[in-house]
Amino acid sequence: MTLGETLISAWQQTLGDGREDIELEGKTYPVTVSKVKGLRMVEFNVGPYRIVGIEQNPDRLALGRAGARRQPHCAVQVQRAIRG
């Protein structure tokens, strides 16, 4: 699975399906909720990278056109694992 496919799968499972755990390449990762704003977060590994996905605050998103359907968004932070 490519990095792009992995990110899309994580987004779909977390935000689209609303699952409490996601499964990527045979491993299960928990979806947590931040205490202050109630945003969903998930951390998982892709190769040497640690990916942290955080749901964007829907109250802070621009509404766009009146009546337009908004997709949930997720910000992604990538950290490279340091092996020593």
PDB file of N, CA and C in Angstrom:
ATOM      1  N   MET A   1       0.852  -1.171   0.000  1.00  0.00           N
ATOM      2  CA  MET A   1       0.000   0.000   0.000  1.00  0.00           C
ATOM      3  C   MET A   1       0.901   1.238   0.000  1.00  0.00           C
ATOM      4  N   THR A   2       0.609   2.188  -0.886  1.00  0.00           N
ATOM      5  CA  THR A   2       1.408   3.410  -0.953  1.00  0.00           C
ATOM      6  C   THR A   2       1.053   4.337   0.210  1.00  0.00           C
ATOM      7  N   LEU A   3       1.871   5.365   0.410  1.00  0.00           N
ATOM      8  CA  LEU A   3       1.602   6.336   1.467  1.00  0.00           C
ATOM      9  C   LEU A   3       0.255   7.018   1.229  1.00  0.00           C
ATOM     10  N   GLY A   4      -0.020   7.406   0.001  1.00  0.00           N
ATOM     11  CA  GLY A   4      -1.283   8.060  -0.323  1.00  0.00           C
ATOM     12  C   GLY A   4      -2.483   7.168  -0.034  1.00  0.00           C
ATOM     13  N   GLU A   5      -2.387   5.898  -0.429  1.00  0.00           N
ATOM     14  CA  GLU A   5      -3.472   4.947  -0.165  1.00  0.00           C
ATOM     15  C   GLU A   5      -3.669   4.740   1.328  1.00  0.00           C
ATOM     16  N   THR A   6      -2.573   4.715   2.080  1.00  0.00           N
ATOM     17  CA  THR A   6      -2.641   4.545   3.532  1.00  0.00           C
ATOM     18  C   THR A   6      -3.329   5.734   4.187  1.00  0.00           C
ATOM     19  N   LEU A   7      -2.970   6.958   3.763  1.00  0.00           N
ATOM     20  CA  LEU A   7      -3.591   8.156   4.328  1.00  0.00           C
ATOM     21  C   LEU A   7      -5.085   8.208   4.018  1.00  0.00           C
ATOM     22  N   ILE A   8      -5.458   7.848   2.800  1.00  0.00           N
ATOM     23  CA  ILE A   8      -6.877   7.841   2.432  1.00  0.00           C
ATOM     24  C   ILE A   8      -7.631   6.803   3.240  1.00  0.00           C
ATOM     25  N   SER A   9      -7.041   5.623   3.419  1.00  0.00           N
ATOM     26  CA  SER A   9      -7.690   4.573   4.205  1.00  0.00           C
ATOM     27  C   SER A   9      -7.867   5.004   5.656  1.00  0.00           C
ATOM     28  N   ALA A  10      -6.836   5.626   6.228  1.00  0.00           N
ATOM     29  CA  ALA A  10      -6.927   6.101   7.617  1.00  0.00           C
ATOM     30  C   ALA A  10      -8.006   7.167   7.743  1.00  0.00           C
ATOM     31  N   TRP A  11      -8.062   8.099   6.778  1.00  0.00           N
ATOM     32  CA  TRP A  11      -9.089   9.150   6.800  1.00  0.00           C
ATOM     33  C   TRP A  11     -10.479   8.531   6.714  1.00  0.00           C
ATOM     34  N   GLN A  12     -10.662   7.592   5.776  1.00  0.00           N
ATOM     35  CA  GLN A  12     -11.979   6.982   5.584  1.00  0.00           C
ATOM     36  C   GLN A  12     -12.441   6.246   6.839  1.00  0.00           C
ATOM     37  N   GLN A  13     -11.539   5.472   7.444  1.00  0.00           N
ATOM     38  CA  GLN A  13     -11.903   4.702   8.631  1.00  0.00           C
ATOM     39  C   GLN A  13     -12.181   5.601   9.833  1.00  0.00           C
ATOM     40  N   THR A  14     -11.383   6.660   9.984  1.00  0.00           N
ATOM     41  CA  THR A  14     -11.514   7.534  11.152  1.00  0.00           C
ATOM     42  C   THR A  14     -12.670   8.503  11.021  1.00  0.00           C
ATOM     43  N   LEU A  15     -12.672   9.287   9.951  1.00  0.00           N
ATOM     44  CA  LEU A  15     -13.670  10.347   9.800  1.00  0.00           C
ATOM     45  C   LEU A  15     -14.893   9.896   9.016  1.00  0.00           C
ATOM     46  N   GLY A  16     -14.698   9.119   7.970  1.00  0.00           N
ATOM     47  CA  GLY A  16     -15.818   8.691   7.146  1.00  0.00           C
ATOM     48  C   GLY A  16     -16.694   7.656   7.834  1.00  0.00           C
ATOM     49  N   ASP A  17     -16.056   6.617   8.403  1.00  0.00           N
ATOM     50  CA  ASP A  17     -16.793   5.529   9.044  1.00  0.00           C
ATOM     51  C   ASP A  17     -17.008   5.758  10.534  1.00  0.00           C
ATOM     52  N   GLY A  18     -16.229   6.654  11.133  1.00  0.00           N
ATOM     53  CA  GLY A  18     -16.365   6.955  12.560  1.00  0.00           C
ATOM     54  C   GLY A  18     -15.945   5.807  13.467  1.00  0.00           C
ATOM     55  N   ARG A  19     -14.978   5.023  13.019  1.00  0.00           N
ATOM     56  CA  ARG A  19     -14.544   3.865  13.803  1.00  0.00           C
ATOM     57  C   ARG A  19     -13.700   4.273  15.007  1.00  0.00           C
ATOM     58  N   GLU A  20     -13.708   3.435  16.037  1.00  0.00           N
ATOM     59  CA  GLU A  20     -12.912   3.688  17.242  1.00  0.00           C
ATOM     60  C   GLU A  20     -11.494   3.146  17.105  1.00  0.00           C
ATOM     61  N   ASP A  21     -11.299   2.204  16.202  1.00  0.00           N
ATOM     62  CA  ASP A  21      -9.981   1.650  15.881  1.00  0.00           C
ATOM     63  C   ASP A  21      -9.888   1.547  14.369  1.00  0.00           C
ATOM     64  N   ILE A  22      -8.678   1.785  13.828  1.00  0.00           N
ATOM     65  CA  ILE A  22      -8.495   1.609  12.392  1.00  0.00           C
ATOM     66  C   ILE A  22      -7.517   0.468  12.164  1.00  0.00           C
ATOM     67  N   GLU A  23      -7.613  -0.166  11.005  1.00  0.00           N
ATOM     68  CA  GLU A  23      -6.712  -1.252  10.657  1.00  0.00           C
ATOM     69  C   GLU A  23      -5.960  -0.885   9.391  1.00  0.00           C
ATOM     70  N   LEU A  24      -4.634  -0.905   9.487  1.00  0.00           N
ATOM     71  CA  LEU A  24      -3.766  -0.601   8.357  1.00  0.00           C
ATOM     72  C   LEU A  24      -2.698  -1.680   8.262  1.00  0.00           C
ATOM     73  N   GLU A  25      -2.634  -2.333   7.126  1.00  0.00           N
ATOM     74  CA  GLU A  25      -1.627  -3.358   6.856  1.00  0.00           C
ATOM     75  C   GLU A  25      -1.557  -4.393   7.972  1.00  0.00           C
ATOM     76  N   GLY A  26      -2.714  -4.839   8.457  1.00  0.00           N
ATOM     77  CA  GLY A  26      -2.779  -5.896   9.461  1.00  0.00           C
ATOM     78  C   GLY A  26      -2.567  -5.449  10.896  1.00  0.00           C
ATOM     79  N   LYS A  27      -2.334  -4.172  11.122  1.00  0.00           N
ATOM     80  CA  LYS A  27      -2.150  -3.651  12.479  1.00  0.00           C
ATOM     81  C   LYS A  27      -3.329  -2.755  12.846  1.00  0.00           C
ATOM     82  N   THR A  28      -3.691  -2.768  14.129  1.00  0.00           N
ATOM     83  CA  THR A  28      -4.808  -1.971  14.616  1.00  0.00           C
ATOM     84  C   THR A  28      -4.282  -0.793  15.429  1.00  0.00           C
ATOM     85  N   TYR A  29      -4.834   0.391  15.168  1.00  0.00           N
ATOM     86  CA  TYR A  29      -4.440   1.615  15.869  1.00  0.00           C
ATOM     87  C   TYR A  29      -5.683   2.265  16.470  1.00  0.00           C
ATOM     88  N   PRO A  30      -5.621   2.698  17.744  1.00  0.00           N
ATOM     89  CA  PRO A  30      -6.798   3.308  18.367  1.00  0.00           C
ATOM     90  C   PRO A  30      -7.004   4.750  17.897  1.00  0.00           C
ATOM     91  N   VAL A  31      -8.267   5.138  17.787  1.00  0.00           N
ATOM     92  CA  VAL A  31      -8.627   6.528  17.504  1.00  0.00           C
ATOM     93  C   VAL A  31      -8.979   7.147  18.851  1.00  0.00           C
ATOM     94  N   THR A  32      -8.278   8.214  19.214  1.00  0.00           N
ATOM     95  CA  THR A  32      -8.532   8.875  20.493  1.00  0.00           C
ATOM     96  C   THR A  32      -9.262  10.192  20.250  1.00  0.00           C
ATOM     97  N   VAL A  33      -9.804  10.755  21.306  1.00  0.00           N
ATOM     98  CA  VAL A  33     -10.523  12.028  21.228  1.00  0.00           C
ATOM     99  C   VAL A  33      -9.868  12.993  22.207  1.00  0.00           C
ATOM    100  N   SER A  34      -9.533  14.207  21.719  1.00  0.00           N
ATOM    101  CA  SER A  34      -8.899  15.192  22.595  1.00  0.00           C
ATOM    102  C   SER A  34      -9.897  15.649  23.652  1.00  0.00           C
ATOM    103  N   LYS A  35      -9.390  15.919  24.842  1.00  0.00           N
ATOM    104  CA  LYS A  35     -10.254  16.280  25.966  1.00  0.00           C
ATOM    105  C   LYS A  35     -10.850  17.676  25.815  1.00  0.00           C
ATOM    106  N   VAL A  36     -10.082  18.612  25.299  1.00  0.00           N
ATOM    107  CA  VAL A  36     -10.519  20.008  25.267  1.00  0.00           C
ATOM    108  C   VAL A  36     -11.547  20.265  24.164  1.00  0.00           C
ATOM    109  N   LYS A  37     -11.239  19.872  22.927  1.00  0.00           N
ATOM    110  CA  LYS A  37     -12.115  20.216  21.804  1.00  0.00           C
ATOM    111  C   LYS A  37     -12.875  19.022  21.241  1.00  0.00           C
ATOM    112  N   GLY A  38     -12.587  17.825  21.726  1.00  0.00           N
ATOM    113  CA  GLY A  38     -13.294  16.640  21.259  1.00  0.00           C
ATOM    114  C   GLY A  38     -12.954  16.241  19.831  1.00  0.00           C
ATOM    115  N   LEU A  39     -11.733  16.548  19.376  1.00  0.00           N
ATOM    116  CA  LEU A  39     -11.299  16.215  18.027  1.00  0.00           C
ATOM    117  C   LEU A  39     -10.691  14.817  18.006  1.00  0.00           C
ATOM    118  N   ARG A  40     -10.973  14.071  16.940  1.00  0.00           N
ATOM    119  CA  ARG A  40     -10.433  12.719  16.815  1.00  0.00           C
ATOM    120  C   ARG A  40      -8.985  12.759  16.344  1.00  0.00           C
ATOM    121  N   MET A  41      -8.170  11.835  16.903  1.00  0.00           N
ATOM    122  CA  MET A  41      -6.756  11.745  16.551  1.00  0.00           C
ATOM    123  C   MET A  41      -6.382  10.284  16.390  1.00  0.00           C
ATOM    124  N   VAL A  42      -5.444  10.025  15.490  1.00  0.00           N
ATOM    125  CA  VAL A  42      -4.939   8.665  15.316  1.00  0.00           C
ATOM    126  C   VAL A  42      -3.452   8.752  14.988  1.00  0.00           C
ATOM    127  N   GLU A  43      -2.674   7.843  15.572  1.00  0.00           N
ATOM    128  CA  GLU A  43      -1.237   7.764  15.311  1.00  0.00           C
ATOM    129  C   GLU A  43      -0.945   6.381  14.755  1.00  0.00           C
ATOM    130  N   PHE A  44      -0.168   6.343  13.647  1.00  0.00           N
ATOM    131  CA  PHE A  44       0.177   5.053  13.060  1.00  0.00           C
ATOM    132  C   PHE A  44       1.511   5.164  12.345  1.00  0.00           C
ATOM    133  N   ASN A  45       2.086   4.016  12.006  1.00  0.00           N
ATOM    134  CA  ASN A  45       3.378   3.957  11.343  1.00  0.00           C
ATOM    135  C   ASN A  45       3.212   3.566   9.891  1.00  0.00           C
ATOM    136  N   VAL A  46       4.005   4.214   9.036  1.00  0.00           N
ATOM    137  CA  VAL A  46       4.116   3.846   7.632  1.00  0.00           C
ATOM    138  C   VAL A  46       5.603   3.802   7.329  1.00  0.00           C
ATOM    139  N   GLY A  47       6.148   2.602   7.215  1.00  0.00           N
ATOM    140  CA  GLY A  47       7.588   2.469   7.003  1.00  0.00           C
ATOM    141  C   GLY A  47       8.348   3.118   8.155  1.00  0.00           C
ATOM    142  N   PRO A  48       9.321   3.999   7.852  1.00  0.00           N
ATOM    143  CA  PRO A  48      10.088   4.644   8.915  1.00  0.00           C
ATOM    144  C   PRO A  48       9.397   5.888   9.489  1.00  0.00           C
ATOM    145  N   TYR A  49       8.178   6.160   9.070  1.00  0.00           N
ATOM    146  CA  TYR A  49       7.493   7.383   9.484  1.00  0.00           C
ATOM    147  C   TYR A  49       6.396   7.123  10.506  1.00  0.00           C
ATOM    148  N   ARG A  50       6.269   8.040  11.448  1.00  0.00           N
ATOM    149  CA  ARG A  50       5.187   8.047  12.429  1.00  0.00           C
ATOM    150  C   ARG A  50       4.208   9.121  11.958  1.00  0.00           C
ATOM    151  N   ILE A  51       2.988   8.739  11.666  1.00  0.00           N
ATOM    152  CA  ILE A  51       1.972   9.660  11.164  1.00  0.00           C
ATOM    153  C   ILE A  51       1.001   9.985  12.296  1.00  0.00           C
ATOM    154  N   VAL A  52       0.723  11.262  12.489  1.00  0.00           N
ATOM    155  CA  VAL A  52      -0.260  11.704  13.472  1.00  0.00           C
ATOM    156  C   VAL A  52      -1.336  12.467  12.708  1.00  0.00           C
ATOM    157  N   GLY A  53      -2.555  11.923  12.696  1.00  0.00           N
ATOM    158  CA  GLY A  53      -3.676  12.574  12.025  1.00  0.00           C
ATOM    159  C   GLY A  53      -4.591  13.200  13.064  1.00  0.00           C
ATOM    160  N   ILE A  54      -4.915  14.475  12.895  1.00  0.00           N
ATOM    161  CA  ILE A  54      -5.767  15.194  13.845  1.00  0.00           C
ATOM    162  C   ILE A  54      -6.920  15.828  13.073  1.00  0.00           C
ATOM    163  N   GLU A  55      -8.137  15.549  13.507  1.00  0.00           N
ATOM    164  CA  GLU A  55      -9.315  16.133  12.882  1.00  0.00           C
ATOM    165  C   GLU A  55      -9.285  17.649  13.054  1.00  0.00           C
ATOM    166  N   GLN A  56      -9.599  18.373  11.997  1.00  0.00           N
ATOM    167  CA  GLN A  56      -9.683  19.823  12.115  1.00  0.00           C
ATOM    168  C   GLN A  56     -10.985  20.193  12.794  1.00  0.00           C
ATOM    169  N   ASN A  57     -10.959  21.286  13.541  1.00  0.00           N
ATOM    170  CA  ASN A  57     -12.135  21.747  14.265  1.00  0.00           C
ATOM    171  C   ASN A  57     -13.205  22.188  13.259  1.00  0.00           C
ATOM    172  N   PRO A  58     -14.336  21.489  13.196  1.00  0.00           N
ATOM    173  CA  PRO A  58     -15.355  21.846  12.201  1.00  0.00           C
ATOM    174  C   PRO A  58     -15.952  23.229  12.429  1.00  0.00           C
ATOM    175  N   ASP A  59     -15.870  23.760  13.642  1.00  0.00           N
ATOM    176  CA  ASP A  59     -16.385  25.097  13.916  1.00  0.00           C
ATOM    177  C   ASP A  59     -15.501  26.182  13.311  1.00  0.00           C
ATOM    178  N   ARG A  60     -14.267  25.847  12.993  1.00  0.00           N
ATOM    179  CA  ARG A  60     -13.314  26.827  12.477  1.00  0.00           C
ATOM    180  C   ARG A  60     -13.196  26.785  10.956  1.00  0.00           C
ATOM    181  N   LEU A  61     -13.847  25.827  10.294  1.00  0.00           N
ATOM    182  CA  LEU A  61     -13.759  25.712   8.845  1.00  0.00           C
ATOM    183  C   LEU A  61     -14.680  26.735   8.187  1.00  0.00           C
ATOM    184  N   ALA A  62     -14.271  27.235   7.048  1.00  0.00           N
ATOM    185  CA  ALA A  62     -15.127  28.147   6.285  1.00  0.00           C
ATOM    186  C   ALA A  62     -16.335  27.362   5.768  1.00  0.00           C
ATOM    187  N   LEU A  63     -17.476  27.976   5.778  1.00  0.00           N
ATOM    188  CA  LEU A  63     -18.694  27.287   5.371  1.00  0.00           C
ATOM    189  C   LEU A  63     -18.824  27.117   3.866  1.00  0.00           C
ATOM    190  N   GLY A  64     -18.179  27.946   3.069  1.00  0.00           N
ATOM    191  CA  GLY A  64     -18.295  27.837   1.622  1.00  0.00           C
ATOM    192  C   GLY A  64     -19.657  28.299   1.157  1.00  0.00           C
ATOM    193  N   ARG A  65     -20.135  27.713   0.079  1.00  0.00           N
ATOM    194  CA  ARG A  65     -21.446  28.084  -0.460  1.00  0.00           C
ATOM    195  C   ARG A  65     -22.555  27.675   0.497  1.00  0.00           C
ATOM    196  N   ALA A  66     -23.618  28.436   0.507  1.00  0.00           N
ATOM    197  CA  ALA A  66     -24.772  28.107   1.351  1.00  0.00           C
ATOM    198  C   ALA A  66     -25.341  26.765   0.915  1.00  0.00           C
ATOM    199  N   GLY A  67     -25.509  25.876   1.864  1.00  0.00           N
ATOM    200  CA  GLY A  67     -26.071  24.566   1.588  1.00  0.00           C
ATOM    201  C   GLY A  67     -25.086  23.561   1.041  1.00  0.00           C
ATOM    202  N   ALA A  68     -23.818  23.948   0.861  1.00  0.00           N
ATOM    203  CA  ALA A  68     -22.821  23.024   0.327  1.00  0.00           C
ATOM    204  C   ALA A  68     -22.469  21.986   1.385  1.00  0.00           C
ATOM    205  N   ARG A  69     -22.270  20.761   0.936  1.00  0.00           N
ATOM    206  CA  ARG A  69     -21.901  19.685   1.848  1.00  0.00           C
ATOM    207  C   ARG A  69     -20.407  19.781   2.144  1.00  0.00           C
ATOM    208  N   ARG A  70     -20.064  19.764   3.431  1.00  0.00           N
ATOM    209  CA  ARG A  70     -18.656  19.853   3.824  1.00  0.00           C
ATOM    210  C   ARG A  70     -18.136  18.477   4.183  1.00  0.00           C
ATOM    211  N   GLN A  71     -16.951  18.169   3.721  1.00  0.00           N
ATOM    212  CA  GLN A  71     -16.286  16.918   4.081  1.00  0.00           C
ATOM    213  C   GLN A  71     -15.472  17.150   5.350  1.00  0.00           C
ATOM    214  N   PRO A  72     -15.414  16.168   6.251  1.00  0.00           N
ATOM    215  CA  PRO A  72     -14.531  16.321   7.404  1.00  0.00           C
ATOM    216  C   PRO A  72     -13.077  16.332   6.941  1.00  0.00           C
ATOM    217  N   HIS A  73     -12.259  17.120   7.589  1.00  0.00           N
ATOM    218  CA  HIS A  73     -10.858  17.246   7.213  1.00  0.00           C
ATOM    219  C   HIS A  73      -9.969  16.732   8.338  1.00  0.00           C
ATOM    220  N   CYS A  74      -8.764  16.400   7.964  1.00  0.00           N
ATOM    221  CA  CYS A  74      -7.805  15.896   8.934  1.00  0.00           C
ATOM    222  C   CYS A  74      -6.437  16.483   8.602  1.00  0.00           C
ATOM    223  N   ALA A  75      -5.781  17.067   9.581  1.00  0.00           N
ATOM    224  CA  ALA A  75      -4.419  17.557   9.411  1.00  0.00           C
ATOM    225  C   ALA A  75      -3.481  16.395   9.722  1.00  0.00           C
ATOM    226  N   VAL A  76      -2.381  16.305   9.007  1.00  0.00           N
ATOM    227  CA  VAL A  76      -1.448  15.189   9.187  1.00  0.00           C
ATOM    228  C   VAL A  76      -0.075  15.735   9.531  1.00  0.00           C
ATOM    229  N   GLN A  77       0.533  15.141  10.533  1.00  0.00           N
ATOM    230  CA  GLN A  77       1.898  15.469  10.903  1.00  0.00           C
ATOM    231  C   GLN A  77       2.731  14.218  10.694  1.00  0.00           C
ATOM    232  N   VAL A  78       3.860  14.356  10.029  1.00  0.00           N
ATOM    233  CA  VAL A  78       4.732  13.208   9.749  1.00  0.00           C
ATOM    234  C   VAL A  78       6.027  13.382  10.510  1.00  0.00           C
ATOM    235  N   GLN A  79       6.400  12.333  11.240  1.00  0.00           N
ATOM    236  CA  GLN A  79       7.663  12.336  11.980  1.00  0.00           C
ATOM    237  C   GLN A  79       8.488  11.147  11.521  1.00  0.00           C
ATOM    238  N   ARG A  80       9.748  11.363  11.241  1.00  0.00           N
ATOM    239  CA  ARG A  80      10.608  10.251  10.847  1.00  0.00           C
ATOM    240  C   ARG A  80      11.182   9.605  12.099  1.00  0.00           C
ATOM    241  N   ALA A  81      11.077   8.300  12.158  1.00  0.00           N
ATOM    242  CA  ALA A  81      11.604   7.567  13.303  1.00  0.00           C
ATOM    243  C   ALA A  81      13.118   7.632  13.309  1.00  0.00           C
ATOM    244  N   ILE A  82      13.704   7.907  14.451  1.00  0.00           N
ATOM    245  CA  ILE A  82      15.156   7.951  14.588  1.00  0.00           C
ATOM    246  C   ILE A  82      15.588   6.662  15.254  1.00  0.00           C
ATOM    247  N   ARG A  83      16.363   5.906  14.548  1.00  0.00           N
ATOM    248  CA  ARG A  83      16.815   4.629  15.086  1.00  0.00           C
ATOM    249  C   ARG A  83      18.273   4.752  15.486  1.00  0.00           C
ATOM    250  N   GLY A  84      18.551   4.276  16.678  1.00  0.00           N
ATOM    251  CA  GLY A  84      19.924   4.419  17.149  1.00  0.00           C
ATOM    252  C   GLY A  84      20.498   3.198  17.728  1.00  0.00           C
TER     253      GLY A  84
END
